[in-house]
Amino acid sequence: MFGLSELAILLIVVIAVIGARKLPELARSAGKSARILKAEARAAKDEEAGAGAAPRVLQGEIVPPGTGTPPPGARAADAPDPR
């Protein structure tokens, strides 16, 4: 009877004969997938390494309510209603 290695060789030959037209396309898509996987793994590794850095603290100033300038598009409290 057939052993495991003979069945594997037979399967490879059948796939090569039946799917000869599709093999280059399959190999190309497998290469693209491997490249994407490698890039994503590298990005995750870089992100993980960068997460340990200390956060930057920015100094700001405290402005009491009513003394600052209104944000763009806001109207002053004493301005008439435009409707």
Protein backbone atom coordinates (compact mmCIF):
# COMPACT_ATOMS: atom_id res chain seq x y z
CA MET A 1 0.00 0.00 0.00
CA PHE A 2 0.99 3.67 -0.20
CA GLY A 3 2.93 5.34 2.57
CA LEU A 4 2.60 8.92 3.72
CA SER A 5 5.50 10.19 1.59
CA GLU A 6 4.09 8.58 -1.59
CA LEU A 7 0.68 10.14 -0.96
CA ALA A 8 2.26 13.56 -0.41
CA ILE A 9 4.23 13.30 -3.68
CA LEU A 10 1.11 12.14 -5.53
CA LEU A 11 -0.89 15.05 -4.10
CA ILE A 12 1.79 17.57 -5.13
CA VAL A 13 1.86 16.16 -8.68
CA VAL A 14 -1.95 16.28 -8.97
CA ILE A 15 -2.05 19.86 -7.71
CA ALA A 16 0.71 20.86 -10.14
CA VAL A 17 -1.08 19.26 -13.10
CA ILE A 18 -4.57 20.51 -12.31
CA GLY A 19 -3.67 23.96 -11.02
CA ALA A 20 -0.70 24.82 -13.26
CA ARG A 21 -2.35 28.06 -14.39
CA LYS A 22 -3.16 29.19 -10.87
CA LEU A 23 0.18 28.37 -9.21
CA PRO A 24 1.97 31.64 -10.08
CA GLU A 25 -0.98 33.67 -8.84
CA LEU A 26 -1.17 31.63 -5.63
CA ALA A 27 2.57 32.00 -5.03
CA ARG A 28 2.35 35.76 -5.61
CA SER A 29 -0.54 36.19 -3.19
CA ALA A 30 1.24 34.02 -0.60
CA GLY A 31 4.32 36.25 -0.93
CA LYS A 32 2.24 39.40 -0.49
CA SER A 33 0.53 37.91 2.55
CA ALA A 34 3.87 36.98 4.10
CA ARG A 35 5.20 40.50 3.47
CA ILE A 36 2.13 42.10 5.07
CA LEU A 37 2.32 39.77 8.07
CA LYS A 38 6.01 40.57 8.55
CA ALA A 39 5.36 44.33 8.36
CA GLU A 40 2.49 44.13 10.84
CA ALA A 41 4.57 42.06 13.27
CA ARG A 42 7.40 44.61 13.03
CA ALA A 43 4.95 47.50 13.60
CA ALA A 44 3.46 45.77 16.65
CA LYS A 45 6.93 45.16 18.04
CA ASP A 46 7.93 48.80 17.49
CA GLU A 47 4.67 50.01 19.07
CA GLU A 48 5.20 47.77 22.08
CA ALA A 49 8.75 49.07 22.53
CA GLY A 50 7.58 52.70 22.28
CA ALA A 51 4.81 52.24 24.86
CA GLY A 52 7.33 52.12 27.73
CA ALA A 53 8.52 55.70 27.15
CA ALA A 54 7.53 58.29 29.77
CA PRO A 55 4.74 60.66 28.73
CA ARG A 56 5.64 64.26 28.04
CA VAL A 57 4.17 66.87 30.38
CA LEU A 58 3.24 70.19 28.83
CA GLN A 59 2.87 73.24 31.06
CA GLY A 60 -0.21 75.33 30.44
CA GLU A 61 -1.68 78.47 31.91
CA ILE A 62 -4.88 78.80 33.90
CA VAL A 63 -7.38 81.30 32.49
CA PRO A 64 -10.30 82.31 34.72
CA PRO A 65 -13.75 81.91 33.12
CA GLY A 66 -14.92 84.92 31.14
CA THR A 67 -11.45 86.43 30.62
CA GLY A 68 -10.31 84.36 27.66
CA THR A 69 -11.23 84.74 24.02
CA PRO A 70 -14.25 82.76 22.81
CA PRO A 71 -13.61 79.78 20.54
CA PRO A 72 -14.13 80.29 16.80
CA GLY A 73 -17.80 80.29 15.86
CA ALA A 74 -18.99 81.06 19.40
CA ARG A 75 -20.87 84.25 20.08
CA ALA A 76 -20.49 86.44 23.12
CA ALA A 77 -23.07 86.17 25.92
CA ASP A 78 -24.30 89.76 25.40
CA ALA A 79 -24.56 89.46 21.57
CA PRO A 80 -28.07 89.47 20.04
CA ASP A 81 -29.56 86.19 18.79
CA PRO A 82 -28.98 85.98 15.00
CA ARG A 83 -32.40 84.36 14.36
